[in-house]
Amino acid sequence: MTNERRHQVKEIDIAILGGGPAGLQAVLVLSRIRKKNYSFDTPEPPRNTSSHGVHNFLGLDGLLPIDILKIAWEQIDKYDSAELQRKNSKCQQNKRWNICYYNR
């Protein structure tokens, strides 16, 4: 990922948890309407890394997961309103929620 705007976004409008297809789509849409947002994702490779291709994803059918991630951030970077946080977190689970604390 080329997104290196660390600490540039001081206040955010929205935080997106997860950098999979749905999270990336949300970040792209929010960036296009100039909403400042953080996308929180784990530093590990995507869960579907071993896949031979992702299918049924509009416009990117058959691409490798890592290629989809790269293309998505190339598109998101054009809008200069999103930041990717790929740091380890500590999570706690209660009856209804997983709460994760990310190191900045």
PDB file of N, CA and C in Angstrom:
ATOM      1  N   MET A   1       0.829  -1.164   0.000  1.00  0.00           N
ATOM      2  CA  MET A   1       0.000   0.000   0.000  1.00  0.00           C
ATOM      3  C   MET A   1       0.881   1.237   0.000  1.00  0.00           C
ATOM      4  N   THR A   2       0.497   2.198  -0.750  1.00  0.00           N
ATOM      5  CA  THR A   2       1.265   3.432  -0.825  1.00  0.00           C
ATOM      6  C   THR A   2       0.678   4.506   0.077  1.00  0.00           C
ATOM      7  N   ASN A   3      -0.390   4.193   0.786  1.00  0.00           N
ATOM      8  CA  ASN A   3      -1.059   5.186   1.605  1.00  0.00           C
ATOM      9  C   ASN A   3      -0.209   5.472   2.842  1.00  0.00           C
ATOM     10  N   GLU A   4       0.471   6.604   2.844  1.00  0.00           N
ATOM     11  CA  GLU A   4       1.374   6.943   3.943  1.00  0.00           C
ATOM     12  C   GLU A   4       1.011   8.282   4.565  1.00  0.00           C
ATOM     13  N   ARG A   5      -0.257   8.573   4.744  1.00  0.00           N
ATOM     14  CA  ARG A   5      -0.660   9.853   5.314  1.00  0.00           C
ATOM     15  C   ARG A   5      -0.758   9.780   6.835  1.00  0.00           C
ATOM     16  N   ARG A   6       0.148   9.138   7.465  1.00  0.00           N
ATOM     17  CA  ARG A   6       0.114   8.974   8.914  1.00  0.00           C
ATOM     18  C   ARG A   6      -0.025  10.323   9.611  1.00  0.00           C
ATOM     19  N   HIS A   7      -0.953  10.391  10.526  1.00  0.00           N
ATOM     20  CA  HIS A   7      -1.186  11.557  11.378  1.00  0.00           C
ATOM     21  C   HIS A   7      -1.600  12.798  10.602  1.00  0.00           C
ATOM     22  N   GLN A   8      -1.861  12.707   9.326  1.00  0.00           N
ATOM     23  CA  GLN A   8      -2.316  13.851   8.556  1.00  0.00           C
ATOM     24  C   GLN A   8      -3.805  14.107   8.795  1.00  0.00           C
ATOM     25  N   VAL A   9      -4.557  13.041   8.960  1.00  0.00           N
ATOM     26  CA  VAL A   9      -5.988  13.179   9.203  1.00  0.00           C
ATOM     27  C   VAL A   9      -6.169  13.320  10.711  1.00  0.00           C
ATOM     28  N   LYS A  10      -6.457  14.519  11.180  1.00  0.00           N
ATOM     29  CA  LYS A  10      -6.555  14.784  12.626  1.00  0.00           C
ATOM     30  C   LYS A  10      -7.919  14.390  13.174  1.00  0.00           C
ATOM     31  N   GLU A  11      -8.963  14.806  12.520  1.00  0.00           N
ATOM     32  CA  GLU A  11     -10.310  14.446  12.923  1.00  0.00           C
ATOM     33  C   GLU A  11     -10.896  13.566  11.835  1.00  0.00           C
ATOM     34  N   ILE A  12     -11.650  12.581  12.259  1.00  0.00           N
ATOM     35  CA  ILE A  12     -12.235  11.698  11.259  1.00  0.00           C
ATOM     36  C   ILE A  12     -13.754  11.741  11.360  1.00  0.00           C
ATOM     37  N   ASP A  13     -14.389  11.446  10.245  1.00  0.00           N
ATOM     38  CA  ASP A  13     -15.842  11.349  10.223  1.00  0.00           C
ATOM     39  C   ASP A  13     -16.290   9.924  10.503  1.00  0.00           C
ATOM     40  N   ILE A  14     -15.535   8.964   9.974  1.00  0.00           N
ATOM     41  CA  ILE A  14     -15.957   7.568  10.055  1.00  0.00           C
ATOM     42  C   ILE A  14     -14.737   6.665  10.171  1.00  0.00           C
ATOM     43  N   ALA A  15     -14.869   5.596  10.949  1.00  0.00           N
ATOM     44  CA  ALA A  15     -13.842   4.560  11.033  1.00  0.00           C
ATOM     45  C   ALA A  15     -14.406   3.282  10.428  1.00  0.00           C
ATOM     46  N   ILE A  16     -13.642   2.663   9.538  1.00  0.00           N
ATOM     47  CA  ILE A  16     -14.043   1.416   8.891  1.00  0.00           C
ATOM     48  C   ILE A  16     -13.190   0.303   9.490  1.00  0.00           C
ATOM     49  N   LEU A  17     -13.834  -0.705  10.018  1.00  0.00           N
ATOM     50  CA  LEU A  17     -13.113  -1.836  10.593  1.00  0.00           C
ATOM     51  C   LEU A  17     -13.127  -2.975   9.598  1.00  0.00           C
ATOM     52  N   GLY A  18     -11.961  -3.303   9.076  1.00  0.00           N
ATOM     53  CA  GLY A  18     -11.832  -4.394   8.122  1.00  0.00           C
ATOM     54  C   GLY A  18     -11.543  -3.881   6.730  1.00  0.00           C
ATOM     55  N   GLY A  19     -10.527  -4.456   6.109  1.00  0.00           N
ATOM     56  CA  GLY A  19     -10.114  -4.027   4.782  1.00  0.00           C
ATOM     57  C   GLY A  19     -10.427  -5.033   3.699  1.00  0.00           C
ATOM     58  N   GLY A  20     -11.506  -5.783   3.881  1.00  0.00           N
ATOM     59  CA  GLY A  20     -11.943  -6.704   2.837  1.00  0.00           C
ATOM     60  C   GLY A  20     -12.732  -5.952   1.773  1.00  0.00           C
ATOM     61  N   PRO A  21     -13.353  -6.662   0.861  1.00  0.00           N
ATOM     62  CA  PRO A  21     -14.092  -6.006  -0.218  1.00  0.00           C
ATOM     63  C   PRO A  21     -15.142  -4.998   0.261  1.00  0.00           C
ATOM     64  N   ALA A  22     -15.910  -5.335   1.276  1.00  0.00           N
ATOM     65  CA  ALA A  22     -16.946  -4.406   1.762  1.00  0.00           C
ATOM     66  C   ALA A  22     -16.314  -3.179   2.414  1.00  0.00           C
ATOM     67  N   GLY A  23     -15.284  -3.385   3.225  1.00  0.00           N
ATOM     68  CA  GLY A  23     -14.613  -2.261   3.866  1.00  0.00           C
ATOM     69  C   GLY A  23     -13.942  -1.350   2.856  1.00  0.00           C
ATOM     70  N   LEU A  24     -13.293  -1.924   1.857  1.00  0.00           N
ATOM     71  CA  LEU A  24     -12.648  -1.123   0.816  1.00  0.00           C
ATOM     72  C   LEU A  24     -13.667  -0.319   0.020  1.00  0.00           C
ATOM     73  N   GLN A  25     -14.810  -0.929  -0.265  1.00  0.00           N
ATOM     74  CA  GLN A  25     -15.860  -0.213  -0.984  1.00  0.00           C
ATOM     75  C   GLN A  25     -16.358   0.970  -0.167  1.00  0.00           C
ATOM     76  N   ALA A  26     -16.533   0.756   1.141  1.00  0.00           N
ATOM     77  CA  ALA A  26     -16.993   1.838   2.015  1.00  0.00           C
ATOM     78  C   ALA A  26     -15.965   2.972   2.048  1.00  0.00           C
ATOM     79  N   VAL A  27     -14.688   2.628   2.160  1.00  0.00           N
ATOM     80  CA  VAL A  27     -13.634   3.651   2.180  1.00  0.00           C
ATOM     81  C   VAL A  27     -13.630   4.440   0.872  1.00  0.00           C
ATOM     82  N   LEU A  28     -13.774   3.766  -0.251  1.00  0.00           N
ATOM     83  CA  LEU A  28     -13.775   4.447  -1.545  1.00  0.00           C
ATOM     84  C   LEU A  28     -14.955   5.415  -1.666  1.00  0.00           C
ATOM     85  N   VAL A  29     -16.149   4.946  -1.317  1.00  0.00           N
ATOM     86  CA  VAL A  29     -17.328   5.800  -1.418  1.00  0.00           C
ATOM     87  C   VAL A  29     -17.204   7.006  -0.491  1.00  0.00           C
ATOM     88  N   LEU A  30     -16.773   6.774   0.749  1.00  0.00           N
ATOM     89  CA  LEU A  30     -16.627   7.873   1.705  1.00  0.00           C
ATOM     90  C   LEU A  30     -15.541   8.858   1.268  1.00  0.00           C
ATOM     91  N   SER A  31     -14.478   8.355   0.678  1.00  0.00           N
ATOM     92  CA  SER A  31     -13.407   9.229   0.195  1.00  0.00           C
ATOM     93  C   SER A  31     -13.894  10.095  -0.958  1.00  0.00           C
ATOM     94  N   ARG A  32     -14.699   9.521  -1.815  1.00  0.00           N
ATOM     95  CA  ARG A  32     -15.230  10.277  -2.960  1.00  0.00           C
ATOM     96  C   ARG A  32     -16.136  11.425  -2.531  1.00  0.00           C
ATOM     97  N   ILE A  33     -16.814  11.267  -1.400  1.00  0.00           N
ATOM     98  CA  ILE A  33     -17.648  12.372  -0.917  1.00  0.00           C
ATOM     99  C   ILE A  33     -16.910  13.189   0.145  1.00  0.00           C
ATOM    100  N   ARG A  34     -15.587  13.032   0.176  1.00  0.00           N
ATOM    101  CA  ARG A  34     -14.683  13.841   1.003  1.00  0.00           C
ATOM    102  C   ARG A  34     -14.902  13.683   2.501  1.00  0.00           C
ATOM    103  N   LYS A  35     -15.318  12.513   2.924  1.00  0.00           N
ATOM    104  CA  LYS A  35     -15.407  12.226   4.351  1.00  0.00           C
ATOM    105  C   LYS A  35     -14.057  11.691   4.799  1.00  0.00           C
ATOM    106  N   LYS A  36     -13.518  12.264   5.855  1.00  0.00           N
ATOM    107  CA  LYS A  36     -12.240  11.797   6.386  1.00  0.00           C
ATOM    108  C   LYS A  36     -12.486  10.486   7.117  1.00  0.00           C
ATOM    109  N   ASN A  37     -11.714   9.463   6.764  1.00  0.00           N
ATOM    110  CA  ASN A  37     -11.949   8.166   7.372  1.00  0.00           C
ATOM    111  C   ASN A  37     -10.657   7.397   7.573  1.00  0.00           C
ATOM    112  N   TYR A  38     -10.682   6.545   8.570  1.00  0.00           N
ATOM    113  CA  TYR A  38      -9.610   5.589   8.832  1.00  0.00           C
ATOM    114  C   TYR A  38     -10.135   4.217   8.463  1.00  0.00           C
ATOM    115  N   SER A  39      -9.300   3.431   7.841  1.00  0.00           N
ATOM    116  CA  SER A  39      -9.612   2.037   7.596  1.00  0.00           C
ATOM    117  C   SER A  39      -8.674   1.203   8.459  1.00  0.00           C
ATOM    118  N   PHE A  40      -9.219   0.450   9.377  1.00  0.00           N
ATOM    119  CA  PHE A  40      -8.418  -0.391  10.262  1.00  0.00           C
ATOM    120  C   PHE A  40      -8.407  -1.809   9.714  1.00  0.00           C
ATOM    121  N   ASP A  41      -7.215  -2.350   9.542  1.00  0.00           N
ATOM    122  CA  ASP A  41      -7.074  -3.708   9.031  1.00  0.00           C
ATOM    123  C   ASP A  41      -5.865  -4.344   9.689  1.00  0.00           C
ATOM    124  N   THR A  42      -5.841  -5.659   9.731  1.00  0.00           N
ATOM    125  CA  THR A  42      -4.708  -6.361  10.315  1.00  0.00           C
ATOM    126  C   THR A  42      -3.536  -6.346   9.348  1.00  0.00           C
ATOM    127  N   PRO A  43      -2.308  -6.439   9.870  1.00  0.00           N
ATOM    128  CA  PRO A  43      -1.148  -6.434   8.980  1.00  0.00           C
ATOM    129  C   PRO A  43      -0.924  -7.762   8.254  1.00  0.00           C
ATOM    130  N   GLU A  44      -1.645  -8.799   8.645  1.00  0.00           N
ATOM    131  CA  GLU A  44      -1.485 -10.086   7.975  1.00  0.00           C
ATOM    132  C   GLU A  44      -2.043 -10.020   6.559  1.00  0.00           C
ATOM    133  N   PRO A  45      -1.618 -10.941   5.713  1.00  0.00           N
ATOM    134  CA  PRO A  45      -2.216 -11.015   4.371  1.00  0.00           C
ATOM    135  C   PRO A  45      -3.712 -11.325   4.473  1.00  0.00           C
ATOM    136  N   PRO A  46      -4.468 -11.009   3.436  1.00  0.00           N
ATOM    137  CA  PRO A  46      -5.908 -11.312   3.471  1.00  0.00           C
ATOM    138  C   PRO A  46      -6.167 -12.792   3.730  1.00  0.00           C
ATOM    139  N   ARG A  47      -7.309 -13.085   4.353  1.00  0.00           N
ATOM    140  CA  ARG A  47      -7.643 -14.482   4.658  1.00  0.00           C
ATOM    141  C   ARG A  47      -7.724 -15.341   3.414  1.00  0.00           C
ATOM    142  N   ASN A  48      -8.093 -14.737   2.301  1.00  0.00           N
ATOM    143  CA  ASN A  48      -8.249 -15.507   1.072  1.00  0.00           C
ATOM    144  C   ASN A  48      -7.007 -15.417   0.174  1.00  0.00           C
ATOM    145  N   THR A  49      -5.840 -15.205   0.767  1.00  0.00           N
ATOM    146  CA  THR A  49      -4.602 -15.076   0.005  1.00  0.00           C
ATOM    147  C   THR A  49      -4.321 -16.300  -0.856  1.00  0.00           C
ATOM    148  N   SER A  50      -4.634 -17.471  -0.351  1.00  0.00           N
ATOM    149  CA  SER A  50      -4.333 -18.688  -1.096  1.00  0.00           C
ATOM    150  C   SER A  50      -5.298 -18.932  -2.259  1.00  0.00           C
ATOM    151  N   SER A  51      -6.298 -18.089  -2.375  1.00  0.00           N
ATOM    152  CA  SER A  51      -7.278 -18.222  -3.454  1.00  0.00           C
ATOM    153  C   SER A  51      -6.623 -17.994  -4.816  1.00  0.00           C
ATOM    154  N   HIS A  52      -7.107 -18.685  -5.820  1.00  0.00           N
ATOM    155  CA  HIS A  52      -6.605 -18.516  -7.189  1.00  0.00           C
ATOM    156  C   HIS A  52      -7.238 -17.307  -7.864  1.00  0.00           C
ATOM    157  N   GLY A  53      -8.210 -16.712  -7.212  1.00  0.00           N
ATOM    158  CA  GLY A  53      -8.871 -15.531  -7.763  1.00  0.00           C
ATOM    159  C   GLY A  53     -10.163 -15.260  -7.028  1.00  0.00           C
ATOM    160  N   VAL A  54     -10.523 -14.007  -6.939  1.00  0.00           N
ATOM    161  CA  VAL A  54     -11.780 -13.614  -6.316  1.00  0.00           C
ATOM    162  C   VAL A  54     -12.819 -13.474  -7.421  1.00  0.00           C
ATOM    163  N   HIS A  55     -13.968 -14.064  -7.205  1.00  0.00           N
ATOM    164  CA  HIS A  55     -15.011 -14.033  -8.225  1.00  0.00           C
ATOM    165  C   HIS A  55     -16.256 -13.335  -7.695  1.00  0.00           C
ATOM    166  N   ASN A  56     -17.083 -12.872  -8.610  1.00  0.00           N
ATOM    167  CA  ASN A  56     -18.329 -12.180  -8.299  1.00  0.00           C
ATOM    168  C   ASN A  56     -18.107 -10.837  -7.614  1.00  0.00           C
ATOM    169  N   PHE A  57     -16.973 -10.217  -7.873  1.00  0.00           N
ATOM    170  CA  PHE A  57     -16.691  -8.875  -7.372  1.00  0.00           C
ATOM    171  C   PHE A  57     -16.648  -7.961  -8.581  1.00  0.00           C
ATOM    172  N   LEU A  58     -17.648  -7.127  -8.716  1.00  0.00           N
ATOM    173  CA  LEU A  58     -17.886  -6.331  -9.901  1.00  0.00           C
ATOM    174  C   LEU A  58     -16.630  -5.601 -10.391  1.00  0.00           C
ATOM    175  N   GLY A  59     -16.268  -5.857 -11.633  1.00  0.00           N
ATOM    176  CA  GLY A  59     -15.141  -5.170 -12.260  1.00  0.00           C
ATOM    177  C   GLY A  59     -13.786  -5.772 -11.975  1.00  0.00           C
ATOM    178  N   LEU A  60     -13.693  -6.645 -10.989  1.00  0.00           N
ATOM    179  CA  LEU A  60     -12.399  -7.226 -10.614  1.00  0.00           C
ATOM    180  C   LEU A  60     -12.464  -8.742 -10.550  1.00  0.00           C
ATOM    181  N   ASP A  61     -13.357  -9.334 -11.299  1.00  0.00           N
ATOM    182  CA  ASP A  61     -13.574 -10.776 -11.260  1.00  0.00           C
ATOM    183  C   ASP A  61     -12.326 -11.538 -11.689  1.00  0.00           C
ATOM    184  N   GLY A  62     -11.928 -12.496 -10.868  1.00  0.00           N
ATOM    185  CA  GLY A  62     -10.809 -13.372 -11.201  1.00  0.00           C
ATOM    186  C   GLY A  62      -9.448 -12.886 -10.748  1.00  0.00           C
ATOM    187  N   LEU A  63      -9.358 -11.689 -10.191  1.00  0.00           N
ATOM    188  CA  LEU A  63      -8.058 -11.188  -9.734  1.00  0.00           C
ATOM    189  C   LEU A  63      -7.669 -11.815  -8.401  1.00  0.00           C
ATOM    190  N   LEU A  64      -6.388 -11.825  -8.125  1.00  0.00           N
ATOM    191  CA  LEU A  64      -5.905 -12.302  -6.838  1.00  0.00           C
ATOM    192  C   LEU A  64      -6.289 -11.304  -5.745  1.00  0.00           C
ATOM    193  N   PRO A  65      -6.512 -11.784  -4.509  1.00  0.00           N
ATOM    194  CA  PRO A  65      -6.892 -10.896  -3.416  1.00  0.00           C
ATOM    195  C   PRO A  65      -5.914  -9.740  -3.201  1.00  0.00           C
ATOM    196  N   ILE A  66      -4.637 -10.010  -3.268  1.00  0.00           N
ATOM    197  CA  ILE A  66      -3.643  -8.961  -3.048  1.00  0.00           C
ATOM    198  C   ILE A  66      -3.694  -7.910  -4.158  1.00  0.00           C
ATOM    199  N   ASP A  67      -4.038  -8.325  -5.376  1.00  0.00           N
ATOM    200  CA  ASP A  67      -4.161  -7.376  -6.484  1.00  0.00           C
ATOM    201  C   ASP A  67      -5.385  -6.480  -6.303  1.00  0.00           C
ATOM    202  N   ILE A  68      -6.466  -7.045  -5.805  1.00  0.00           N
ATOM    203  CA  ILE A  68      -7.663  -6.253  -5.530  1.00  0.00           C
ATOM    204  C   ILE A  68      -7.346  -5.200  -4.467  1.00  0.00           C
ATOM    205  N   LEU A  69      -6.620  -5.598  -3.437  1.00  0.00           N
ATOM    206  CA  LEU A  69      -6.229  -4.666  -2.379  1.00  0.00           C
ATOM    207  C   LEU A  69      -5.387  -3.529  -2.946  1.00  0.00           C
ATOM    208  N   LYS A  70      -4.438  -3.857  -3.800  1.00  0.00           N
ATOM    209  CA  LYS A  70      -3.566  -2.841  -4.408  1.00  0.00           C
ATOM    210  C   LYS A  70      -4.368  -1.879  -5.293  1.00  0.00           C
ATOM    211  N   ILE A  71      -5.217  -2.411  -6.140  1.00  0.00           N
ATOM    212  CA  ILE A  71      -6.034  -1.580  -7.031  1.00  0.00           C
ATOM    213  C   ILE A  71      -6.965  -0.681  -6.225  1.00  0.00           C
ATOM    214  N   ALA A  72      -7.570  -1.236  -5.187  1.00  0.00           N
ATOM    215  CA  ALA A  72      -8.495  -0.449  -4.369  1.00  0.00           C
ATOM    216  C   ALA A  72      -7.789   0.743  -3.751  1.00  0.00           C
ATOM    217  N   TRP A  73      -6.593   0.539  -3.177  1.00  0.00           N
ATOM    218  CA  TRP A  73      -5.902   1.662  -2.538  1.00  0.00           C
ATOM    219  C   TRP A  73      -5.342   2.647  -3.557  1.00  0.00           C
ATOM    220  N   GLU A  74      -5.046   2.191  -4.746  1.00  0.00           N
ATOM    221  CA  GLU A  74      -4.645   3.140  -5.801  1.00  0.00           C
ATOM    222  C   GLU A  74      -5.810   4.079  -6.121  1.00  0.00           C
ATOM    223  N   GLN A  75      -7.020   3.540  -6.146  1.00  0.00           N
ATOM    224  CA  GLN A  75      -8.193   4.362  -6.414  1.00  0.00           C
ATOM    225  C   GLN A  75      -8.518   5.263  -5.222  1.00  0.00           C
ATOM    226  N   ILE A  76      -8.413   4.737  -4.025  1.00  0.00           N
ATOM    227  CA  ILE A  76      -8.726   5.501  -2.817  1.00  0.00           C
ATOM    228  C   ILE A  76      -7.728   6.645  -2.623  1.00  0.00           C
ATOM    229  N   ASP A  77      -6.452   6.405  -2.921  1.00  0.00           N
ATOM    230  CA  ASP A  77      -5.403   7.420  -2.725  1.00  0.00           C
ATOM    231  C   ASP A  77      -5.659   8.698  -3.521  1.00  0.00           C
ATOM    232  N   LYS A  78      -6.398   8.613  -4.593  1.00  0.00           N
ATOM    233  CA  LYS A  78      -6.678   9.794  -5.421  1.00  0.00           C
ATOM    234  C   LYS A  78      -7.456  10.861  -4.665  1.00  0.00           C
ATOM    235  N   TYR A  79      -8.190  10.467  -3.636  1.00  0.00           N
ATOM    236  CA  TYR A  79      -9.091  11.387  -2.952  1.00  0.00           C
ATOM    237  C   TYR A  79      -8.488  12.020  -1.704  1.00  0.00           C
ATOM    238  N   ASP A  80      -7.380  11.529  -1.221  1.00  0.00           N
ATOM    239  CA  ASP A  80      -6.631  12.164  -0.133  1.00  0.00           C
ATOM    240  C   ASP A  80      -7.463  12.389   1.138  1.00  0.00           C
ATOM    241  N   SER A  81      -8.398  11.501   1.424  1.00  0.00           N
ATOM    242  CA  SER A  81      -9.176  11.685   2.646  1.00  0.00           C
ATOM    243  C   SER A  81      -9.283  10.405   3.478  1.00  0.00           C
ATOM    244  N   ALA A  82      -8.509   9.388   3.119  1.00  0.00           N
ATOM    245  CA  ALA A  82      -8.535   8.132   3.869  1.00  0.00           C
ATOM    246  C   ALA A  82      -7.133   7.787   4.342  1.00  0.00           C
ATOM    247  N   GLU A  83      -7.080   7.089   5.450  1.00  0.00           N
ATOM    248  CA  GLU A  83      -5.807   6.605   5.970  1.00  0.00           C
ATOM    249  C   GLU A  83      -5.969   5.154   6.365  1.00  0.00           C
ATOM    250  N   LEU A  84      -5.001   4.351   5.995  1.00  0.00           N
ATOM    251  CA  LEU A  84      -5.003   2.934   6.329  1.00  0.00           C
ATOM    252  C   LEU A  84      -4.181   2.709   7.587  1.00  0.00           C
ATOM    253  N   GLN A  85      -4.780   2.090   8.572  1.00  0.00           N
ATOM    254  CA  GLN A  85      -4.080   1.716   9.801  1.00  0.00           C
ATOM    255  C   GLN A  85      -3.923   0.207   9.795  1.00  0.00           C
ATOM    256  N   ARG A  86      -2.703  -0.267   9.604  1.00  0.00           N
ATOM    257  CA  ARG A  86      -2.460  -1.715   9.557  1.00  0.00           C
ATOM    258  C   ARG A  86      -1.558  -2.108  10.707  1.00  0.00           C
ATOM    259  N   LYS A  87      -1.993  -1.868  11.892  1.00  0.00           N
ATOM    260  CA  LYS A  87      -1.198  -2.184  13.072  1.00  0.00           C
ATOM    261  C   LYS A  87      -1.880  -3.271  13.872  1.00  0.00           C
ATOM    262  N   ASN A  88      -1.081  -3.934  14.678  1.00  0.00           N
ATOM    263  CA  ASN A  88      -1.645  -4.964  15.541  1.00  0.00           C
ATOM    264  C   ASN A  88      -2.557  -4.329  16.577  1.00  0.00           C
ATOM    265  N   SER A  89      -3.518  -5.076  16.994  1.00  0.00           N
ATOM    266  CA  SER A  89      -4.467  -4.563  17.973  1.00  0.00           C
ATOM    267  C   SER A  89      -4.631  -5.570  19.102  1.00  0.00           C
ATOM    268  N   LYS A  90      -5.166  -5.075  20.189  1.00  0.00           N
ATOM    269  CA  LYS A  90      -5.548  -5.937  21.291  1.00  0.00           C
ATOM    270  C   LYS A  90      -7.062  -5.890  21.363  1.00  0.00           C
ATOM    271  N   CYS A  91      -7.677  -7.056  21.350  1.00  0.00           N
ATOM    272  CA  CYS A  91      -9.138  -7.104  21.326  1.00  0.00           C
ATOM    273  C   CYS A  91      -9.674  -7.756  22.590  1.00  0.00           C
ATOM    274  N   GLN A  92     -10.805  -7.256  23.031  1.00  0.00           N
ATOM    275  CA  GLN A  92     -11.530  -7.843  24.144  1.00  0.00           C
ATOM    276  C   GLN A  92     -12.923  -8.183  23.650  1.00  0.00           C
ATOM    277  N   GLN A  93     -13.473  -9.246  24.180  1.00  0.00           N
ATOM    278  CA  GLN A  93     -14.805  -9.647  23.741  1.00  0.00           C
ATOM    279  C   GLN A  93     -15.746  -9.635  24.939  1.00  0.00           C
ATOM    280  N   ASN A  94     -16.894  -8.995  24.764  1.00  0.00           N
ATOM    281  CA  ASN A  94     -17.930  -9.116  25.773  1.00  0.00           C
ATOM    282  C   ASN A  94     -19.083  -9.893  25.149  1.00  0.00           C
ATOM    283  N   LYS A  95     -20.242  -9.856  25.741  1.00  0.00           N
ATOM    284  CA  LYS A  95     -21.351 -10.668  25.256  1.00  0.00           C
ATOM    285  C   LYS A  95     -21.802 -10.313  23.844  1.00  0.00           C
ATOM    286  N   ARG A  96     -21.676  -9.043  23.460  1.00  0.00           N
ATOM    287  CA  ARG A  96     -22.210  -8.621  22.168  1.00  0.00           C
ATOM    288  C   ARG A  96     -21.170  -8.078  21.207  1.00  0.00           C
ATOM    289  N   TRP A  97     -20.011  -7.632  21.664  1.00  0.00           N
ATOM    290  CA  TRP A  97     -19.088  -6.910  20.804  1.00  0.00           C
ATOM    291  C   TRP A  97     -17.654  -7.388  20.988  1.00  0.00           C
ATOM    292  N   ASN A  98     -16.879  -7.241  19.945  1.00  0.00           N
ATOM    293  CA  ASN A  98     -15.426  -7.326  20.041  1.00  0.00           C
ATOM    294  C   ASN A  98     -14.919  -5.881  20.035  1.00  0.00           C
ATOM    295  N   ILE A  99     -14.174  -5.503  21.035  1.00  0.00           N
ATOM    296  CA  ILE A  99     -13.631  -4.152  21.124  1.00  0.00           C
ATOM    297  C   ILE A  99     -12.135  -4.246  20.918  1.00  0.00           C
ATOM    298  N   CYS A 100     -11.637  -3.532  19.919  1.00  0.00           N
ATOM    299  CA  CYS A 100     -10.216  -3.591  19.593  1.00  0.00           C
ATOM    300  C   CYS A 100      -9.557  -2.242  19.838  1.00  0.00           C
ATOM    301  N   TYR A 101      -8.405  -2.278  20.469  1.00  0.00           N
ATOM    302  CA  TYR A 101      -7.624  -1.077  20.719  1.00  0.00           C
ATOM    303  C   TYR A 101      -6.416  -1.123  19.804  1.00  0.00           C
ATOM    304  N   TYR A 102      -6.275  -0.147  18.944  1.00  0.00           N
ATOM    305  CA  TYR A 102      -5.195  -0.095  17.975  1.00  0.00           C
ATOM    306  C   TYR A 102      -4.105   0.831  18.492  1.00  0.00           C
ATOM    307  N   ASN A 103      -2.876   0.375  18.380  1.00  0.00           N
ATOM    308  CA  ASN A 103      -1.729   1.207  18.739  1.00  0.00           C
ATOM    309  C   ASN A 103      -1.479   2.205  17.633  1.00  0.00           C
ATOM    310  N   ARG A 104      -1.346   3.462  17.969  1.00  0.00           N
ATOM    311  CA  ARG A 104      -1.080   4.492  16.952  1.00  0.00           C
ATOM    312  C   ARG A 104       0.382   4.821  16.931  1.00  0.00           C
TER     313      ARG A 104
END
